[in-house]
Amino acid sequence: MQAWYSRYVSKYDGFENEFEPGSRGRVLRNKLGIKLVREIERAETKAFMAAYVDSLLSVEENSRFTSDSIKDMHKKWLGGIYDFAGDTDRWTSASPACSSAERNT
């Protein structure tokens, strides 16, 4: 995220603006009870790598990406960490980018 932008918009602005107690507002409330930024980043990265490999194995040459496939990938990636993973209803209410993308489909 560019520095000028981060002054105005937090990575976590929107629906999920609920933080893990004891994280000083730095880590989203999560299923693992992680309070440290480095630890949540590690957990997200590990989960991403597993979801990435799983997604690569399930994609074929003629596969099409739909909103449902993106939702499923998000759920595979972050479902073990956050309750909101794969919940597009919550994304669209929180993100101007998601709302804009929905209008264009």
PDB file of N, CA and C in Angstrom:
ATOM      1  N   MET A   1       0.850  -1.171   0.000  1.00  0.00           N
ATOM      2  CA  MET A   1       0.000   0.000   0.000  1.00  0.00           C
ATOM      3  C   MET A   1       0.901   1.240   0.000  1.00  0.00           C
ATOM      4  N   GLN A   2       0.574   2.208  -0.801  1.00  0.00           N
ATOM      5  CA  GLN A   2       1.375   3.422  -0.864  1.00  0.00           C
ATOM      6  C   GLN A   2       1.212   4.230   0.414  1.00  0.00           C
ATOM      7  N   ALA A   3       2.274   4.895   0.816  1.00  0.00           N
ATOM      8  CA  ALA A   3       2.290   5.632   2.082  1.00  0.00           C
ATOM      9  C   ALA A   3       1.207   6.697   2.144  1.00  0.00           C
ATOM     10  N   TRP A   4       1.030   7.476   1.074  1.00  0.00           N
ATOM     11  CA  TRP A   4       0.030   8.545   1.102  1.00  0.00           C
ATOM     12  C   TRP A   4      -1.368   7.972   1.289  1.00  0.00           C
ATOM     13  N   TYR A   5      -1.616   6.810   0.731  1.00  0.00           N
ATOM     14  CA  TYR A   5      -2.924   6.186   0.829  1.00  0.00           C
ATOM     15  C   TYR A   5      -3.173   5.630   2.221  1.00  0.00           C
ATOM     16  N   SER A   6      -2.141   5.030   2.812  1.00  0.00           N
ATOM     17  CA  SER A   6      -2.313   4.390   4.112  1.00  0.00           C
ATOM     18  C   SER A   6      -2.626   5.388   5.220  1.00  0.00           C
ATOM     19  N   ARG A   7      -2.301   6.655   4.993  1.00  0.00           N
ATOM     20  CA  ARG A   7      -2.653   7.661   6.002  1.00  0.00           C
ATOM     21  C   ARG A   7      -4.158   7.859   6.085  1.00  0.00           C
ATOM     22  N   TYR A   8      -4.854   7.560   5.005  1.00  0.00           N
ATOM     23  CA  TYR A   8      -6.286   7.822   4.946  1.00  0.00           C
ATOM     24  C   TYR A   8      -7.151   6.574   5.093  1.00  0.00           C
ATOM     25  N   VAL A   9      -6.643   5.433   4.673  1.00  0.00           N
ATOM     26  CA  VAL A   9      -7.437   4.211   4.702  1.00  0.00           C
ATOM     27  C   VAL A   9      -6.625   3.091   5.330  1.00  0.00           C
ATOM     28  N   SER A  10      -7.155   2.538   6.396  1.00  0.00           N
ATOM     29  CA  SER A  10      -6.508   1.406   7.045  1.00  0.00           C
ATOM     30  C   SER A  10      -6.728   0.150   6.220  1.00  0.00           C
ATOM     31  N   LYS A  11      -5.811  -0.782   6.308  1.00  0.00           N
ATOM     32  CA  LYS A  11      -5.974  -2.088   5.670  1.00  0.00           C
ATOM     33  C   LYS A  11      -7.270  -2.735   6.156  1.00  0.00           C
ATOM     34  N   TYR A  12      -7.699  -2.375   7.359  1.00  0.00           N
ATOM     35  CA  TYR A  12      -8.839  -3.029   7.967  1.00  0.00           C
ATOM     36  C   TYR A  12     -10.075  -2.155   8.081  1.00  0.00           C
ATOM     37  N   ASP A  13     -10.150  -1.045   7.371  1.00  0.00           N
ATOM     38  CA  ASP A  13     -11.364  -0.236   7.408  1.00  0.00           C
ATOM     39  C   ASP A  13     -12.520  -1.057   6.865  1.00  0.00           C
ATOM     40  N   GLY A  14     -13.678  -0.901   7.449  1.00  0.00           N
ATOM     41  CA  GLY A  14     -14.856  -1.581   6.935  1.00  0.00           C
ATOM     42  C   GLY A  14     -15.447  -2.554   7.923  1.00  0.00           C
ATOM     43  N   PHE A  15     -16.108  -3.566   7.377  1.00  0.00           N
ATOM     44  CA  PHE A  15     -16.890  -4.489   8.190  1.00  0.00           C
ATOM     45  C   PHE A  15     -16.090  -5.212   9.243  1.00  0.00           C
ATOM     46  N   GLU A  16     -14.857  -5.539   8.971  1.00  0.00           N
ATOM     47  CA  GLU A  16     -14.092  -6.370   9.884  1.00  0.00           C
ATOM     48  C   GLU A  16     -13.294  -5.555  10.889  1.00  0.00           C
ATOM     49  N   ASN A  17     -13.741  -4.352  11.131  1.00  0.00           N
ATOM     50  CA  ASN A  17     -13.013  -3.443  12.008  1.00  0.00           C
ATOM     51  C   ASN A  17     -13.164  -3.860  13.470  1.00  0.00           C
ATOM     52  N   GLU A  18     -12.882  -5.105  13.741  1.00  0.00           N
ATOM     53  CA  GLU A  18     -12.925  -5.662  15.087  1.00  0.00           C
ATOM     54  C   GLU A  18     -11.590  -6.345  15.332  1.00  0.00           C
ATOM     55  N   PHE A  19     -10.915  -5.928  16.366  1.00  0.00           N
ATOM     56  CA  PHE A  19      -9.553  -6.388  16.578  1.00  0.00           C
ATOM     57  C   PHE A  19      -9.442  -7.380  17.728  1.00  0.00           C
ATOM     58  N   GLU A  20      -8.377  -8.146  17.677  1.00  0.00           N
ATOM     59  CA  GLU A  20      -8.099  -9.124  18.723  1.00  0.00           C
ATOM     60  C   GLU A  20      -7.774  -8.382  20.019  1.00  0.00           C
ATOM     61  N   PRO A  21      -8.465  -8.722  21.115  1.00  0.00           N
ATOM     62  CA  PRO A  21      -8.150  -8.084  22.392  1.00  0.00           C
ATOM     63  C   PRO A  21      -6.667  -8.288  22.729  1.00  0.00           C
ATOM     64  N   GLY A  22      -6.025  -7.217  23.144  1.00  0.00           N
ATOM     65  CA  GLY A  22      -4.610  -7.288  23.494  1.00  0.00           C
ATOM     66  C   GLY A  22      -3.671  -7.021  22.328  1.00  0.00           C
ATOM     67  N   SER A  23      -4.229  -6.769  21.130  1.00  0.00           N
ATOM     68  CA  SER A  23      -3.377  -6.523  19.968  1.00  0.00           C
ATOM     69  C   SER A  23      -3.157  -5.025  19.716  1.00  0.00           C
ATOM     70  N   ARG A  24      -3.699  -4.198  20.568  1.00  0.00           N
ATOM     71  CA  ARG A  24      -3.605  -2.736  20.440  1.00  0.00           C
ATOM     72  C   ARG A  24      -4.150  -2.250  19.089  1.00  0.00           C
ATOM     73  N   GLY A  25      -5.206  -2.918  18.618  1.00  0.00           N
ATOM     74  CA  GLY A  25      -5.846  -2.517  17.370  1.00  0.00           C
ATOM     75  C   GLY A  25      -5.030  -2.818  16.131  1.00  0.00           C
ATOM     76  N   ARG A  26      -4.119  -3.767  16.230  1.00  0.00           N
ATOM     77  CA  ARG A  26      -3.237  -4.077  15.097  1.00  0.00           C
ATOM     78  C   ARG A  26      -3.552  -5.394  14.401  1.00  0.00           C
ATOM     79  N   VAL A  27      -4.265  -6.288  15.073  1.00  0.00           N
ATOM     80  CA  VAL A  27      -4.549  -7.609  14.520  1.00  0.00           C
ATOM     81  C   VAL A  27      -6.048  -7.855  14.599  1.00  0.00           C
ATOM     82  N   LEU A  28      -6.625  -8.254  13.476  1.00  0.00           N
ATOM     83  CA  LEU A  28      -8.054  -8.564  13.463  1.00  0.00           C
ATOM     84  C   LEU A  28      -8.371  -9.725  14.391  1.00  0.00           C
ATOM     85  N   ARG A  29      -9.586  -9.683  14.942  1.00  0.00           N
ATOM     86  CA  ARG A  29     -10.055 -10.809  15.753  1.00  0.00           C
ATOM     87  C   ARG A  29      -9.966 -12.056  14.876  1.00  0.00           C
ATOM     88  N   ASN A  30      -9.387 -13.103  15.430  1.00  0.00           N
ATOM     89  CA  ASN A  30      -9.160 -14.296  14.626  1.00  0.00           C
ATOM     90  C   ASN A  30      -9.431 -15.555  15.442  1.00  0.00           C
ATOM     91  N   LYS A  31      -9.608 -16.651  14.738  1.00  0.00           N
ATOM     92  CA  LYS A  31      -9.928 -17.936  15.361  1.00  0.00           C
ATOM     93  C   LYS A  31      -8.761 -18.519  16.142  1.00  0.00           C
ATOM     94  N   LEU A  32      -7.554 -18.022  15.869  1.00  0.00           N
ATOM     95  CA  LEU A  32      -6.359 -18.573  16.496  1.00  0.00           C
ATOM     96  C   LEU A  32      -5.946 -17.820  17.757  1.00  0.00           C
ATOM     97  N   GLY A  33      -6.599 -16.693  18.019  1.00  0.00           N
ATOM     98  CA  GLY A  33      -6.259 -15.893  19.193  1.00  0.00           C
ATOM     99  C   GLY A  33      -4.914 -15.185  19.075  1.00  0.00           C
ATOM    100  N   ILE A  34      -4.422 -15.024  17.874  1.00  0.00           N
ATOM    101  CA  ILE A  34      -3.126 -14.370  17.648  1.00  0.00           C
ATOM    102  C   ILE A  34      -3.258 -12.869  17.883  1.00  0.00           C
ATOM    103  N   LYS A  35      -2.286 -12.312  18.606  1.00  0.00           N
ATOM    104  CA  LYS A  35      -2.298 -10.891  18.943  1.00  0.00           C
ATOM    105  C   LYS A  35      -1.149 -10.111  18.308  1.00  0.00           C
ATOM    106  N   LEU A  36      -0.145 -10.805  17.817  1.00  0.00           N
ATOM    107  CA  LEU A  36       1.043 -10.156  17.262  1.00  0.00           C
ATOM    108  C   LEU A  36       0.990 -10.121  15.736  1.00  0.00           C
ATOM    109  N   VAL A  37       1.348  -8.971  15.157  1.00  0.00           N
ATOM    110  CA  VAL A  37       1.298  -8.787  13.715  1.00  0.00           C
ATOM    111  C   VAL A  37       2.150  -9.822  12.994  1.00  0.00           C
ATOM    112  N   ARG A  38       3.362 -10.037  13.449  1.00  0.00           N
ATOM    113  CA  ARG A  38       4.239 -11.014  12.784  1.00  0.00           C
ATOM    114  C   ARG A  38       3.631 -12.412  12.763  1.00  0.00           C
ATOM    115  N   GLU A  39       2.992 -12.782  13.861  1.00  0.00           N
ATOM    116  CA  GLU A  39       2.397 -14.123  13.932  1.00  0.00           C
ATOM    117  C   GLU A  39       1.211 -14.263  12.988  1.00  0.00           C
ATOM    118  N   ILE A  40       0.368 -13.235  12.911  1.00  0.00           N
ATOM    119  CA  ILE A  40      -0.797 -13.326  12.013  1.00  0.00           C
ATOM    120  C   ILE A  40      -0.334 -13.297  10.564  1.00  0.00           C
ATOM    121  N   GLU A  41       0.710 -12.534  10.281  1.00  0.00           N
ATOM    122  CA  GLU A  41       1.251 -12.519   8.921  1.00  0.00           C
ATOM    123  C   GLU A  41       1.797 -13.896   8.547  1.00  0.00           C
ATOM    124  N   ARG A  42       2.469 -14.556   9.482  1.00  0.00           N
ATOM    125  CA  ARG A  42       2.971 -15.909   9.229  1.00  0.00           C
ATOM    126  C   ARG A  42       1.819 -16.887   8.979  1.00  0.00           C
ATOM    127  N   ALA A  43       0.794 -16.792   9.809  1.00  0.00           N
ATOM    128  CA  ALA A  43      -0.356 -17.691   9.658  1.00  0.00           C
ATOM    129  C   ALA A  43      -1.055 -17.453   8.320  1.00  0.00           C
ATOM    130  N   GLU A  44      -1.229 -16.181   7.933  1.00  0.00           N
ATOM    131  CA  GLU A  44      -1.864 -15.869   6.658  1.00  0.00           C
ATOM    132  C   GLU A  44      -1.012 -16.362   5.488  1.00  0.00           C
ATOM    133  N   THR A  45       0.305 -16.193   5.579  1.00  0.00           N
ATOM    134  CA  THR A  45       1.196 -16.627   4.509  1.00  0.00           C
ATOM    135  C   THR A  45       1.186 -18.142   4.360  1.00  0.00           C
ATOM    136  N   LYS A  46       1.247 -18.850   5.475  1.00  0.00           N
ATOM    137  CA  LYS A  46       1.210 -20.317   5.442  1.00  0.00           C
ATOM    138  C   LYS A  46      -0.111 -20.796   4.835  1.00  0.00           C
ATOM    139  N   ALA A  47      -1.206 -20.183   5.245  1.00  0.00           N
ATOM    140  CA  ALA A  47      -2.519 -20.554   4.714  1.00  0.00           C
ATOM    141  C   ALA A  47      -2.619 -20.204   3.231  1.00  0.00           C
ATOM    142  N   PHE A  48      -2.017 -19.084   2.840  1.00  0.00           N
ATOM    143  CA  PHE A  48      -2.036 -18.690   1.434  1.00  0.00           C
ATOM    144  C   PHE A  48      -1.313 -19.721   0.573  1.00  0.00           C
ATOM    145  N   MET A  49      -0.152 -20.152   1.018  1.00  0.00           N
ATOM    146  CA  MET A  49       0.622 -21.122   0.237  1.00  0.00           C
ATOM    147  C   MET A  49      -0.162 -22.424   0.059  1.00  0.00           C
ATOM    148  N   ALA A  50      -0.815 -22.882   1.098  1.00  0.00           N
ATOM    149  CA  ALA A  50      -1.613 -24.108   1.004  1.00  0.00           C
ATOM    150  C   ALA A  50      -2.797 -23.914   0.052  1.00  0.00           C
ATOM    151  N   ALA A  51      -3.479 -22.785   0.147  1.00  0.00           N
ATOM    152  CA  ALA A  51      -4.619 -22.502  -0.733  1.00  0.00           C
ATOM    153  C   ALA A  51      -4.166 -22.331  -2.173  1.00  0.00           C
ATOM    154  N   TYR A  52      -3.011 -21.721  -2.357  1.00  0.00           N
ATOM    155  CA  TYR A  52      -2.463 -21.500  -3.693  1.00  0.00           C
ATOM    156  C   TYR A  52      -2.185 -22.839  -4.380  1.00  0.00           C
ATOM    157  N   VAL A  53      -1.529 -23.732  -3.674  1.00  0.00           N
ATOM    158  CA  VAL A  53      -1.226 -25.051  -4.238  1.00  0.00           C
ATOM    159  C   VAL A  53      -2.528 -25.786  -4.547  1.00  0.00           C
ATOM    160  N   ASP A  54      -3.474 -25.757  -3.629  1.00  0.00           N
ATOM    161  CA  ASP A  54      -4.756 -26.425  -3.828  1.00  0.00           C
ATOM    162  C   ASP A  54      -5.481 -25.846  -5.043  1.00  0.00           C
ATOM    163  N   SER A  55      -5.455 -24.530  -5.174  1.00  0.00           N
ATOM    164  CA  SER A  55      -6.121 -23.872  -6.302  1.00  0.00           C
ATOM    165  C   SER A  55      -5.446 -24.221  -7.614  1.00  0.00           C
ATOM    166  N   LEU A  56      -4.114 -24.259  -7.629  1.00  0.00           N
ATOM    167  CA  LEU A  56      -3.390 -24.617  -8.855  1.00  0.00           C
ATOM    168  C   LEU A  56      -3.749 -26.024  -9.311  1.00  0.00           C
ATOM    169  N   LEU A  57      -3.900 -26.922  -8.358  1.00  0.00           N
ATOM    170  CA  LEU A  57      -4.217 -28.298  -8.697  1.00  0.00           C
ATOM    171  C   LEU A  57      -5.634 -28.454  -9.229  1.00  0.00           C
ATOM    172  N   SER A  58      -6.517 -27.529  -8.882  1.00  0.00           N
ATOM    173  CA  SER A  58      -7.914 -27.650  -9.308  1.00  0.00           C
ATOM    174  C   SER A  58      -8.234 -26.842 -10.560  1.00  0.00           C
ATOM    175  N   VAL A  59      -7.302 -26.029 -11.035  1.00  0.00           N
ATOM    176  CA  VAL A  59      -7.538 -25.204 -12.216  1.00  0.00           C
ATOM    177  C   VAL A  59      -7.052 -25.944 -13.460  1.00  0.00           C
ATOM    178  N   GLU A  60      -7.897 -25.945 -14.469  1.00  0.00           N
ATOM    179  CA  GLU A  60      -7.536 -26.554 -15.743  1.00  0.00           C
ATOM    180  C   GLU A  60      -7.361 -25.452 -16.785  1.00  0.00           C
ATOM    181  N   GLU A  61      -6.844 -25.829 -17.937  1.00  0.00           N
ATOM    182  CA  GLU A  61      -6.558 -24.852 -18.989  1.00  0.00           C
ATOM    183  C   GLU A  61      -7.789 -24.039 -19.380  1.00  0.00           C
ATOM    184  N   ASN A  62      -8.943 -24.663 -19.406  1.00  0.00           N
ATOM    185  CA  ASN A  62     -10.156 -23.962 -19.824  1.00  0.00           C
ATOM    186  C   ASN A  62     -11.010 -23.484 -18.647  1.00  0.00           C
ATOM    187  N   SER A  63     -10.465 -23.480 -17.446  1.00  0.00           N
ATOM    188  CA  SER A  63     -11.203 -23.014 -16.268  1.00  0.00           C
ATOM    189  C   SER A  63     -11.506 -21.522 -16.380  1.00  0.00           C
ATOM    190  N   ARG A  64     -12.668 -21.152 -15.868  1.00  0.00           N
ATOM    191  CA  ARG A  64     -13.043 -19.735 -15.818  1.00  0.00           C
ATOM    192  C   ARG A  64     -13.136 -19.308 -14.366  1.00  0.00           C
ATOM    193  N   PHE A  65     -12.621 -18.128 -14.092  1.00  0.00           N
ATOM    194  CA  PHE A  65     -12.729 -17.589 -12.742  1.00  0.00           C
ATOM    195  C   PHE A  65     -14.016 -16.790 -12.648  1.00  0.00           C
ATOM    196  N   THR A  66     -14.816 -17.135 -11.669  1.00  0.00           N
ATOM    197  CA  THR A  66     -16.076 -16.444 -11.411  1.00  0.00           C
ATOM    198  C   THR A  66     -16.012 -15.863 -10.011  1.00  0.00           C
ATOM    199  N   SER A  67     -17.012 -15.106  -9.662  1.00  0.00           N
ATOM    200  CA  SER A  67     -17.047 -14.568  -8.307  1.00  0.00           C
ATOM    201  C   SER A  67     -17.108 -15.704  -7.283  1.00  0.00           C
ATOM    202  N   ASP A  68     -17.776 -16.795  -7.636  1.00  0.00           N
ATOM    203  CA  ASP A  68     -17.835 -17.937  -6.724  1.00  0.00           C
ATOM    204  C   ASP A  68     -16.467 -18.590  -6.549  1.00  0.00           C
ATOM    205  N   SER A  69     -15.672 -18.666  -7.630  1.00  0.00           N
ATOM    206  CA  SER A  69     -14.346 -19.274  -7.488  1.00  0.00           C
ATOM    207  C   SER A  69     -13.428 -18.396  -6.647  1.00  0.00           C
ATOM    208  N   ILE A  70     -13.547 -17.083  -6.787  1.00  0.00           N
ATOM    209  CA  ILE A  70     -12.748 -16.169  -5.960  1.00  0.00           C
ATOM    210  C   ILE A  70     -13.179 -16.282  -4.500  1.00  0.00           C
ATOM    211  N   LYS A  71     -14.475 -16.361  -4.271  1.00  0.00           N
ATOM    212  CA  LYS A  71     -15.011 -16.535  -2.913  1.00  0.00           C
ATOM    213  C   LYS A  71     -14.487 -17.831  -2.294  1.00  0.00           C
ATOM    214  N   ASP A  72     -14.494 -18.907  -3.072  1.00  0.00           N
ATOM    215  CA  ASP A  72     -13.995 -20.192  -2.581  1.00  0.00           C
ATOM    216  C   ASP A  72     -12.505 -20.124  -2.254  1.00  0.00           C
ATOM    217  N   MET A  73     -11.723 -19.442  -3.110  1.00  0.00           N
ATOM    218  CA  MET A  73     -10.290 -19.301  -2.845  1.00  0.00           C
ATOM    219  C   MET A  73     -10.043 -18.524  -1.559  1.00  0.00           C
ATOM    220  N   HIS A  74     -10.825 -17.467  -1.355  1.00  0.00           N
ATOM    221  CA  HIS A  74     -10.684 -16.653  -0.139  1.00  0.00           C
ATOM    222  C   HIS A  74     -11.012 -17.488   1.093  1.00  0.00           C
ATOM    223  N   LYS A  75     -12.054 -18.303   0.979  1.00  0.00           N
ATOM    224  CA  LYS A  75     -12.449 -19.174   2.094  1.00  0.00           C
ATOM    225  C   LYS A  75     -11.359 -20.213   2.373  1.00  0.00           C
ATOM    226  N   LYS A  76     -10.781 -20.809   1.303  1.00  0.00           N
ATOM    227  CA  LYS A  76      -9.695 -21.778   1.488  1.00  0.00           C
ATOM    228  C   LYS A  76      -8.499 -21.113   2.156  1.00  0.00           C
ATOM    229  N   TRP A  77      -8.207 -19.892   1.729  1.00  0.00           N
ATOM    230  CA  TRP A  77      -7.035 -19.188   2.247  1.00  0.00           C
ATOM    231  C   TRP A  77      -7.220 -18.790   3.699  1.00  0.00           C
ATOM    232  N   LEU A  78      -8.273 -18.074   4.008  1.00  0.00           N
ATOM    233  CA  LEU A  78      -8.407 -17.462   5.330  1.00  0.00           C
ATOM    234  C   LEU A  78      -9.481 -18.070   6.220  1.00  0.00           C
ATOM    235  N   GLY A  79     -10.154 -19.110   5.737  1.00  0.00           N
ATOM    236  CA  GLY A  79     -11.247 -19.702   6.504  1.00  0.00           C
ATOM    237  C   GLY A  79     -10.844 -20.287   7.850  1.00  0.00           C
ATOM    238  N   GLY A  80      -9.610 -20.757   7.953  1.00  0.00           N
ATOM    239  CA  GLY A  80      -9.135 -21.297   9.222  1.00  0.00           C
ATOM    240  C   GLY A  80      -8.667 -20.225  10.191  1.00  0.00           C
ATOM    241  N   ILE A  81      -8.644 -18.975   9.711  1.00  0.00           N
ATOM    242  CA  ILE A  81      -8.131 -17.876  10.534  1.00  0.00           C
ATOM    243  C   ILE A  81      -9.232 -16.882  10.910  1.00  0.00           C
ATOM    244  N   TYR A  82     -10.086 -16.534   9.940  1.00  0.00           N
ATOM    245  CA  TYR A  82     -11.099 -15.501  10.161  1.00  0.00           C
ATOM    246  C   TYR A  82     -12.502 -16.009   9.835  1.00  0.00           C
ATOM    247  N   ASP A  83     -13.471 -15.580  10.630  1.00  0.00           N
ATOM    248  CA  ASP A  83     -14.870 -15.942  10.385  1.00  0.00           C
ATOM    249  C   ASP A  83     -15.401 -15.351   9.085  1.00  0.00           C
ATOM    250  N   PHE A  84     -14.903 -14.197   8.667  1.00  0.00           N
ATOM    251  CA  PHE A  84     -15.451 -13.513   7.493  1.00  0.00           C
ATOM    252  C   PHE A  84     -14.938 -14.057   6.157  1.00  0.00           C
ATOM    253  N   ALA A  85     -14.015 -14.986   6.168  1.00  0.00           N
ATOM    254  CA  ALA A  85     -13.427 -15.497   4.928  1.00  0.00           C
ATOM    255  C   ALA A  85     -14.494 -16.073   4.001  1.00  0.00           C
ATOM    256  N   GLY A  86     -14.486 -15.617   2.759  1.00  0.00           N
ATOM    257  CA  GLY A  86     -15.424 -16.096   1.754  1.00  0.00           C
ATOM    258  C   GLY A  86     -16.804 -15.490   1.826  1.00  0.00           C
ATOM    259  N   ASP A  87     -17.026 -14.575   2.740  1.00  0.00           N
ATOM    260  CA  ASP A  87     -18.342 -13.962   2.932  1.00  0.00           C
ATOM    261  C   ASP A  87     -18.456 -12.704   2.076  1.00  0.00           C
ATOM    262  N   THR A  88     -18.902 -12.866   0.843  1.00  0.00           N
ATOM    263  CA  THR A  88     -18.950 -11.729  -0.077  1.00  0.00           C
ATOM    264  C   THR A  88     -19.990 -10.689   0.314  1.00  0.00           C
ATOM    265  N   ASP A  89     -21.011 -11.069   1.054  1.00  0.00           N
ATOM    266  CA  ASP A  89     -21.984 -10.077   1.506  1.00  0.00           C
ATOM    267  C   ASP A  89     -21.296  -9.037   2.384  1.00  0.00           C
ATOM    268  N   ARG A  90     -20.375  -9.480   3.202  1.00  0.00           N
ATOM    269  CA  ARG A  90     -19.648  -8.562   4.081  1.00  0.00           C
ATOM    270  C   ARG A  90     -18.628  -7.754   3.291  1.00  0.00           C
ATOM    271  N   TRP A  91     -18.021  -8.340   2.257  1.00  0.00           N
ATOM    272  CA  TRP A  91     -17.045  -7.609   1.449  1.00  0.00           C
ATOM    273  C   TRP A  91     -17.701  -6.432   0.767  1.00  0.00           C
ATOM    274  N   THR A  92     -18.849  -6.680   0.121  1.00  0.00           N
ATOM    275  CA  THR A  92     -19.453  -5.643  -0.700  1.00  0.00           C
ATOM    276  C   THR A  92     -19.982  -4.490   0.138  1.00  0.00           C
ATOM    277  N   SER A  93     -20.385  -4.766   1.365  1.00  0.00           N
ATOM    278  CA  SER A  93     -20.873  -3.672   2.205  1.00  0.00           C
ATOM    279  C   SER A  93     -19.727  -2.831   2.746  1.00  0.00           C
ATOM    280  N   ALA A  94     -18.524  -3.377   2.740  1.00  0.00           N
ATOM    281  CA  ALA A  94     -17.394  -2.684   3.341  1.00  0.00           C
ATOM    282  C   ALA A  94     -16.461  -2.038   2.343  1.00  0.00           C
ATOM    283  N   SER A  95     -16.395  -2.551   1.148  1.00  0.00           N
ATOM    284  CA  SER A  95     -15.360  -2.126   0.223  1.00  0.00           C
ATOM    285  C   SER A  95     -15.910  -1.406  -0.990  1.00  0.00           C
ATOM    286  N   PRO A  96     -15.516  -0.163  -1.170  1.00  0.00           N
ATOM    287  CA  PRO A  96     -15.930   0.549  -2.389  1.00  0.00           C
ATOM    288  C   PRO A  96     -15.448  -0.174  -3.642  1.00  0.00           C
ATOM    289  N   ALA A  97     -14.282  -0.794  -3.590  1.00  0.00           N
ATOM    290  CA  ALA A  97     -13.753  -1.514  -4.753  1.00  0.00           C
ATOM    291  C   ALA A  97     -14.647  -2.698  -5.096  1.00  0.00           C
ATOM    292  N   CYS A  98     -15.068  -3.449  -4.089  1.00  0.00           N
ATOM    293  CA  CYS A  98     -15.933  -4.591  -4.345  1.00  0.00           C
ATOM    294  C   CYS A  98     -17.290  -4.136  -4.860  1.00  0.00           C
ATOM    295  N   SER A  99     -17.829  -3.082  -4.292  1.00  0.00           N
ATOM    296  CA  SER A  99     -19.105  -2.562  -4.741  1.00  0.00           C
ATOM    297  C   SER A  99     -19.019  -2.110  -6.183  1.00  0.00           C
ATOM    298  N   SER A 100     -17.919  -1.454  -6.542  1.00  0.00           N
ATOM    299  CA  SER A 100     -17.711  -0.989  -7.901  1.00  0.00           C
ATOM    300  C   SER A 100     -17.593  -2.164  -8.855  1.00  0.00           C
ATOM    301  N   ALA A 101     -16.857  -3.194  -8.454  1.00  0.00           N
ATOM    302  CA  ALA A 101     -16.685  -4.378  -9.298  1.00  0.00           C
ATOM    303  C   ALA A 101     -18.026  -5.073  -9.531  1.00  0.00           C
ATOM    304  N   GLU A 102     -18.849  -5.138  -8.498  1.00  0.00           N
ATOM    305  CA  GLU A 102     -20.163  -5.762  -8.640  1.00  0.00           C
ATOM    306  C   GLU A 102     -21.016  -5.008  -9.633  1.00  0.00           C
ATOM    307  N   ARG A 103     -20.956  -3.679  -9.614  1.00  0.00           N
ATOM    308  CA  ARG A 103     -21.753  -2.888 -10.543  1.00  0.00           C
ATOM    309  C   ARG A 103     -21.325  -3.121 -11.992  1.00  0.00           C
ATOM    310  N   ASN A 104     -20.060  -3.473 -12.187  1.00  0.00           N
ATOM    311  CA  ASN A 104     -19.530  -3.652 -13.539  1.00  0.00           C
ATOM    312  C   ASN A 104     -19.701  -5.064 -14.079  1.00  0.00           C
ATOM    313  N   THR A 105     -20.291  -5.960 -13.292  1.00  0.00           N
ATOM    314  CA  THR A 105     -20.447  -7.336 -13.775  1.00  0.00           C
ATOM    315  C   THR A 105     -21.863  -7.575 -14.257  1.00  0.00           C
TER     316      THR A 105
END
